[in-house]
Amino acid sequence: MTASRRRTPAPPRENVLAATMAMIAERGLEKLTLAALGAEVGMSSGHLAYHFGSKDELLLRTLEWSEGRLGAARGRLLTGGGDARERLDAYVDLYVPEGHRDPHWSLWLEVWNRSQHADDDARDRQAAIEGAWHRDLVALLAEGVSRGAFRPVDPDRFATRLRALLDGFSLQIVIGLRGVGRERVMDHVREFLDEALNP
C-alpha cells in the first residue's frame, strides 16, 4: 500500500465519545454533526457512520459513556461517609443539572426525544440507564428507613415519585425556564424531603 493510500487509524472510541460530549458542552447539540465531529477527531463523517451506524446511535453511546462516569461518582457518594440524608442530598445534587443547557441533560433530552422512533434495543439501553439511578435511590431510601433516619415509606414507590419530581424540575432548569434556577430547585427538593421523610 502506498503512503497516499494508508489510512489514519481511528481514534479510540472513548476519545470520540468524549469529543462528542465536549462539542455538546461548547457548541450545543444543534451544532453537532458527523462532519463537525469528524473534523474534531480526525475522521470522516463516513468513518463515523461506519463505526456508530447513525447519529442516534452515537448520541446513545455518548449518553451511556457519560452515565458510566456519573454512575461511578454516584457509587462513591452512596457508599461513602455520612448519614442517609446527607447521601440522599448528594444524590439529588448529582441528579439535578448544573444550569441552563447542561450538556449531560441536553443529551438526555435529545435521546428521549429520538426514542419515540427507537428500536427495542435502544429503548432497553435507555431503561438500563434509568434503572441504575432508580435502584441506587431505592437502596438508599431502604437503608434510611431501616436505620430510622427516614420515616417508613415504600422505597420503590417513593423513589419513583422523587425521580419524577427531580425530572420535572431538571427539565425546567435545562431549558432555561424563567424564574427557575438550580438553587431555587434545590431548596424546593430539600423542603419536600424534610416534609416527606423526617421521622
Protein backbone atom coordinates (compact mmCIF):
# COMPACT_ATOMS: atom_id res chain seq x y z
CA MET A 1 0.00 0.00 0.00
CA THR A 2 1.41 3.37 -0.93
CA ALA A 3 1.78 6.16 1.59
CA SER A 4 -1.03 8.08 -0.09
CA ARG A 5 -3.45 5.18 0.45
CA ARG A 6 -2.57 4.48 4.09
CA ARG A 7 -5.46 5.04 6.44
CA THR A 8 -5.10 7.05 9.59
CA PRO A 9 -6.16 4.78 12.43
CA ALA A 10 -9.44 5.73 14.04
CA PRO A 11 -9.11 7.26 17.50
CA PRO A 12 -10.22 5.07 20.40
CA ARG A 13 -14.00 5.01 20.77
CA GLU A 14 -13.80 6.70 24.17
CA ASN A 15 -11.99 9.64 22.61
CA VAL A 16 -14.81 10.05 20.09
CA LEU A 17 -17.44 9.90 22.84
CA ALA A 18 -15.53 12.40 24.98
CA ALA A 19 -15.19 14.71 21.97
CA THR A 20 -18.94 14.40 21.31
CA MET A 21 -19.71 15.40 24.88
CA ALA A 22 -17.24 18.30 24.71
CA MET A 23 -18.82 19.57 21.50
CA ILE A 24 -22.28 19.44 23.06
CA ALA A 25 -20.96 21.42 26.05
CA GLU A 26 -19.17 24.03 23.94
CA ARG A 27 -21.45 24.44 20.93
CA GLY A 28 -24.78 22.83 21.77
CA LEU A 29 -26.48 19.84 20.19
CA GLU A 30 -27.67 21.82 17.19
CA LYS A 31 -24.05 22.27 16.04
CA LEU A 32 -23.16 18.60 16.50
CA THR A 33 -22.94 16.98 13.07
CA LEU A 34 -20.96 13.94 12.00
CA ALA A 35 -18.89 16.21 9.73
CA ALA A 36 -18.06 18.64 12.57
CA LEU A 37 -17.27 15.80 14.96
CA GLY A 38 -15.16 14.08 12.31
CA ALA A 39 -13.10 17.23 11.84
CA GLU A 40 -12.61 17.38 15.61
CA VAL A 41 -11.34 13.80 15.94
CA GLY A 42 -9.63 13.41 12.56
CA MET A 43 -12.16 11.10 10.94
CA SER A 44 -14.50 11.49 8.02
CA SER A 45 -18.23 11.55 8.61
CA GLY A 46 -18.35 8.31 6.61
CA HIS A 47 -15.95 6.62 9.04
CA LEU A 48 -18.02 7.84 11.98
CA ALA A 49 -21.16 6.49 10.35
CA TYR A 50 -19.35 3.19 9.77
CA HIS A 51 -18.28 2.92 13.43
CA PHE A 52 -21.53 4.13 15.01
CA GLY A 53 -24.15 3.43 12.35
CA SER A 54 -26.14 6.62 12.85
CA LYS A 55 -26.23 9.86 14.77
CA ASP A 56 -28.89 8.33 17.04
CA GLU A 57 -26.51 5.51 17.96
CA LEU A 58 -23.64 7.96 18.50
CA LEU A 59 -25.80 10.01 20.89
CA LEU A 60 -26.98 6.95 22.80
CA ARG A 61 -23.44 5.60 23.15
CA THR A 62 -22.25 9.01 24.31
CA LEU A 63 -25.02 9.05 26.89
CA GLU A 64 -24.08 5.55 28.06
CA TRP A 65 -20.43 6.64 28.35
CA SER A 66 -21.36 9.77 30.28
CA GLU A 67 -23.73 7.80 32.52
CA GLY A 68 -20.96 5.31 33.23
CA ARG A 69 -18.86 8.13 34.62
CA LEU A 70 -21.81 9.52 36.60
CA GLY A 71 -22.62 6.03 37.86
CA ALA A 72 -19.10 5.67 39.25
CA ALA A 73 -19.43 9.05 41.00
CA ARG A 74 -22.86 8.06 42.32
CA GLY A 75 -21.49 4.78 43.64
CA ARG A 76 -18.70 6.57 45.52
CA LEU A 77 -21.03 9.05 47.18
CA LEU A 78 -23.65 6.44 48.10
CA THR A 79 -21.09 4.15 49.74
CA GLY A 80 -19.09 6.96 51.31
CA GLY A 81 -19.41 8.51 54.72
CA GLY A 82 -22.31 10.48 56.05
CA ASP A 83 -25.76 9.56 57.17
CA ALA A 84 -28.53 8.51 54.79
CA ARG A 85 -29.94 12.04 54.45
CA GLU A 86 -26.55 13.53 53.62
CA ARG A 87 -26.07 10.91 50.93
CA LEU A 88 -29.60 11.49 49.64
CA ASP A 89 -28.84 15.20 49.32
CA ALA A 90 -25.64 14.28 47.45
CA TYR A 91 -27.66 12.03 45.11
CA VAL A 92 -30.04 14.92 44.36
CA ASP A 93 -27.09 17.26 43.81
CA LEU A 94 -25.65 14.85 41.25
CA TYR A 95 -29.04 14.31 39.57
CA VAL A 96 -30.10 17.93 39.06
CA PRO A 97 -28.48 19.78 36.12
CA GLU A 98 -25.88 22.45 36.76
CA GLY A 99 -27.87 25.01 34.82
CA HIS A 100 -29.38 26.04 31.51
CA ARG A 101 -28.08 23.89 28.62
CA ASP A 102 -26.29 21.47 30.94
CA PRO A 103 -24.60 19.18 28.37
CA HIS A 104 -25.48 15.88 30.03
CA TRP A 105 -29.12 16.83 30.43
CA SER A 106 -29.25 18.33 26.92
CA LEU A 107 -28.02 14.99 25.60
CA TRP A 108 -30.62 13.14 27.69
CA LEU A 109 -33.39 15.32 26.28
CA GLU A 110 -32.25 14.66 22.72
CA VAL A 111 -32.07 10.90 23.27
CA TRP A 112 -35.50 10.92 24.93
CA ASN A 113 -36.91 12.87 22.01
CA ARG A 114 -35.42 10.48 19.47
CA SER A 115 -36.62 7.45 21.45
CA GLN A 116 -40.11 7.95 20.02
CA HIS A 117 -38.81 6.15 16.94
CA ALA A 118 -36.14 3.98 18.60
CA ASP A 119 -35.98 0.22 18.29
CA ASP A 120 -36.36 -2.17 21.22
CA ASP A 121 -32.61 -2.44 21.79
CA ALA A 122 -32.22 1.33 22.15
CA ARG A 123 -35.21 1.51 24.47
CA ASP A 124 -33.79 -1.31 26.61
CA ARG A 125 -30.47 0.52 26.87
CA GLN A 126 -32.22 3.73 27.92
CA ALA A 127 -34.22 1.77 30.51
CA ALA A 128 -30.98 0.30 31.86
CA ILE A 129 -29.63 3.81 32.49
CA GLU A 130 -32.84 4.86 34.23
CA GLY A 131 -32.88 1.61 36.19
CA ALA A 132 -29.42 2.19 37.66
CA TRP A 133 -30.44 5.58 39.08
CA HIS A 134 -33.65 4.06 40.43
CA ARG A 135 -32.04 1.04 42.08
CA ASP A 136 -29.44 3.17 43.84
CA LEU A 137 -32.12 5.52 45.16
CA VAL A 138 -34.32 2.64 46.34
CA ALA A 139 -31.37 1.09 48.21
CA LEU A 140 -30.53 4.39 49.88
CA LEU A 141 -34.13 5.00 50.93
CA ALA A 142 -34.47 1.44 52.26
CA GLU A 143 -31.30 1.90 54.30
CA GLY A 144 -32.55 5.21 55.71
CA VAL A 145 -35.89 3.67 56.68
CA SER A 146 -34.29 0.60 58.28
CA ARG A 147 -31.97 2.77 60.39
CA GLY A 148 -34.71 5.15 61.47
CA ALA A 149 -33.23 8.12 59.58
CA PHE A 150 -36.38 8.33 57.41
CA ARG A 151 -40.00 7.77 58.35
CA PRO A 152 -41.42 4.49 56.99
CA VAL A 153 -42.07 4.78 53.25
CA ASP A 154 -42.21 2.26 50.44
CA PRO A 155 -38.72 2.83 48.96
CA ASP A 156 -39.67 1.85 45.40
CA ARG A 157 -42.81 4.00 45.25
CA PHE A 158 -41.11 6.95 46.92
CA ALA A 159 -38.12 6.69 44.56
CA THR A 160 -40.45 6.70 41.54
CA ARG A 161 -42.19 9.84 42.75
CA LEU A 162 -39.00 11.61 43.80
CA ARG A 163 -37.35 10.96 40.44
CA ALA A 164 -40.43 12.28 38.65
CA LEU A 165 -40.16 15.44 40.77
CA LEU A 166 -36.44 15.74 40.01
CA ASP A 167 -37.03 15.15 36.29
CA GLY A 168 -39.70 17.85 36.17
CA PHE A 169 -37.54 20.43 37.92
CA SER A 170 -34.48 19.41 35.91
CA LEU A 171 -36.31 19.94 32.61
CA GLN A 172 -37.26 23.45 33.74
CA ILE A 173 -33.63 24.23 34.62
CA VAL A 174 -32.06 22.84 31.46
CA ILE A 175 -34.47 24.61 29.07
CA GLY A 176 -33.89 27.85 30.95
CA LEU A 177 -37.44 28.44 32.15
CA ARG A 178 -37.56 31.95 33.58
CA GLY A 179 -37.64 32.11 37.35
CA VAL A 180 -36.40 28.55 37.80
CA GLY A 181 -32.78 28.25 38.83
CA ARG A 182 -30.80 25.41 40.35
CA GLU A 183 -30.58 26.98 43.81
CA ARG A 184 -34.33 27.51 43.99
CA VAL A 185 -34.99 23.96 42.81
CA MET A 186 -32.63 22.53 45.41
CA ASP A 187 -34.49 24.49 48.11
CA HIS A 188 -37.82 23.03 46.92
CA VAL A 189 -36.43 19.50 46.90
CA ARG A 190 -34.86 19.81 50.35
CA GLU A 191 -38.14 21.14 51.73
CA PHE A 192 -40.06 18.28 50.12
CA LEU A 193 -37.65 15.70 51.54
CA ASP A 194 -37.89 17.25 55.01
CA GLU A 195 -41.68 17.08 54.92
CA ALA A 196 -41.84 13.60 53.41
CA LEU A 197 -39.02 11.75 55.17
CA ASN A 198 -38.18 13.32 58.52
CA PRO A 199 -39.16 10.91 61.32
